[in-house]
Amino acid sequence: MAASFVWGCGMEIVQLFISLGALDVSGSPVLSFVFRNSIYSGVFAMVGGLALVPLVGLFTAKTRPSNVDETFSCYSENKTVGITDHLGK
C-alpha cells in the first residue's frame, strides 16, 4: 500500500514540476503523452498504483501478528440458544 502511495505522489510531483516548467519531457513520446496534463498523469498514477499493490505483495514477506489465534479464539466456542416463538419476547 505504501508503494502505491509513493507511486501516486511521485507521479503528481513530476506533473507539478512539468507544469511549472522545471522539467521538460517533450523528447520522449511516452512521457509527453503521460504528462500532457494532470488528468492523464492522474489516471496513470491510479492505474499504476492498482497494478503495483499486487506486484509488491508477491515479492514481500507476509506478516502475521503472534497473538491472532489467541485474540479470535472466542469464535471457536459453540453456543446453543433455545428457540422461541417470537423474536424479542
Protein backbone atom coordinates (compact mmCIF):
# COMPACT_ATOMS: atom_id res chain seq x y z
CA MET A 1 0.00 0.00 0.00
CA ALA A 2 2.86 2.36 0.75
CA ALA A 3 4.31 1.63 -2.69
CA SER A 4 1.06 2.76 -4.31
CA PHE A 5 1.07 5.95 -2.26
CA VAL A 6 4.69 6.72 -3.18
CA TRP A 7 3.97 5.96 -6.86
CA GLY A 8 0.94 8.27 -6.99
CA CYS A 9 2.61 11.10 -5.11
CA GLY A 10 5.71 10.77 -7.25
CA MET A 11 3.70 10.95 -10.46
CA GLU A 12 1.88 14.06 -9.33
CA ILE A 13 5.06 15.76 -8.10
CA VAL A 14 6.63 15.14 -11.51
CA GLN A 15 3.46 16.57 -13.10
CA LEU A 16 3.78 19.65 -10.88
CA PHE A 17 7.40 20.22 -11.92
CA ILE A 18 6.46 19.81 -15.58
CA SER A 19 3.57 22.26 -15.20
CA LEU A 20 5.89 24.78 -13.54
CA GLY A 21 8.44 24.39 -16.34
CA ALA A 22 11.17 22.86 -14.16
CA LEU A 23 11.16 19.59 -16.18
CA ASP A 24 10.87 19.01 -19.90
CA VAL A 25 9.70 15.61 -21.18
CA SER A 26 8.98 16.65 -24.76
CA GLY A 27 11.82 14.42 -26.02
CA SER A 28 10.05 11.22 -25.01
CA PRO A 29 6.77 10.43 -26.79
CA VAL A 30 5.56 8.18 -23.94
CA LEU A 31 6.34 10.65 -21.15
CA SER A 32 4.96 13.59 -23.12
CA PHE A 33 1.68 11.65 -23.52
CA VAL A 34 1.51 10.62 -19.85
CA PHE A 35 2.30 14.10 -18.57
CA ARG A 36 0.32 16.03 -21.21
CA ASN A 37 -1.95 17.32 -18.44
CA SER A 38 -2.78 16.50 -14.85
CA ILE A 39 -5.81 14.37 -15.81
CA TYR A 40 -3.66 11.95 -17.84
CA SER A 41 -0.97 11.73 -15.19
CA GLY A 42 -3.64 11.21 -12.51
CA VAL A 43 -5.11 8.30 -14.46
CA PHE A 44 -1.69 6.72 -14.89
CA ALA A 45 -0.97 7.28 -11.19
CA MET A 46 -4.17 5.46 -10.20
CA VAL A 47 -3.81 2.60 -12.69
CA GLY A 48 -0.14 2.21 -11.82
CA GLY A 49 -0.99 2.12 -8.13
CA LEU A 50 -3.63 -0.56 -8.72
CA ALA A 51 -1.10 -2.69 -10.57
CA LEU A 52 1.66 -2.01 -8.06
CA VAL A 53 -0.15 -3.28 -4.95
CA PRO A 54 -0.44 -6.95 -6.02
CA LEU A 55 3.04 -6.92 -7.58
CA VAL A 56 4.66 -5.66 -4.39
CA GLY A 57 2.55 -8.14 -2.43
CA LEU A 58 4.02 -11.02 -4.45
CA PHE A 59 7.58 -10.08 -3.57
CA THR A 60 7.26 -9.01 0.06
CA ALA A 61 7.11 -11.18 3.15
CA LYS A 62 3.72 -11.91 4.64
CA THR A 63 3.35 -10.72 8.23
CA ARG A 64 1.08 -12.15 10.88
CA PRO A 65 0.96 -10.91 14.45
CA SER A 66 1.74 -13.59 17.02
CA ASN A 67 -1.48 -13.18 19.02
CA VAL A 68 -4.06 -13.54 16.21
CA ASP A 69 -5.13 -17.07 17.20
CA GLU A 70 -5.46 -16.05 20.85
CA THR A 71 -7.43 -12.91 20.00
CA PHE A 72 -10.02 -14.75 17.92
CA SER A 73 -10.17 -17.96 19.98
CA CYS A 74 -13.58 -16.97 21.40
CA TYR A 75 -15.12 -17.56 17.97
CA SER A 76 -14.31 -21.27 18.03
CA GLU A 77 -16.61 -21.93 21.00
CA ASN A 78 -20.06 -23.38 20.21
CA LYS A 79 -23.06 -21.74 21.85
CA THR A 80 -26.57 -23.20 22.00
CA VAL A 81 -29.55 -20.88 22.08
CA GLY A 82 -33.06 -22.01 22.88
CA ILE A 83 -35.71 -21.46 20.20
CA THR A 84 -38.52 -19.03 20.98
CA ASP A 85 -41.76 -18.44 19.10
CA HIS A 86 -41.34 -14.66 18.85
CA LEU A 87 -38.21 -12.60 18.49
CA GLY A 88 -37.83 -10.09 21.28
CA LYS A 89 -40.19 -11.84 23.74
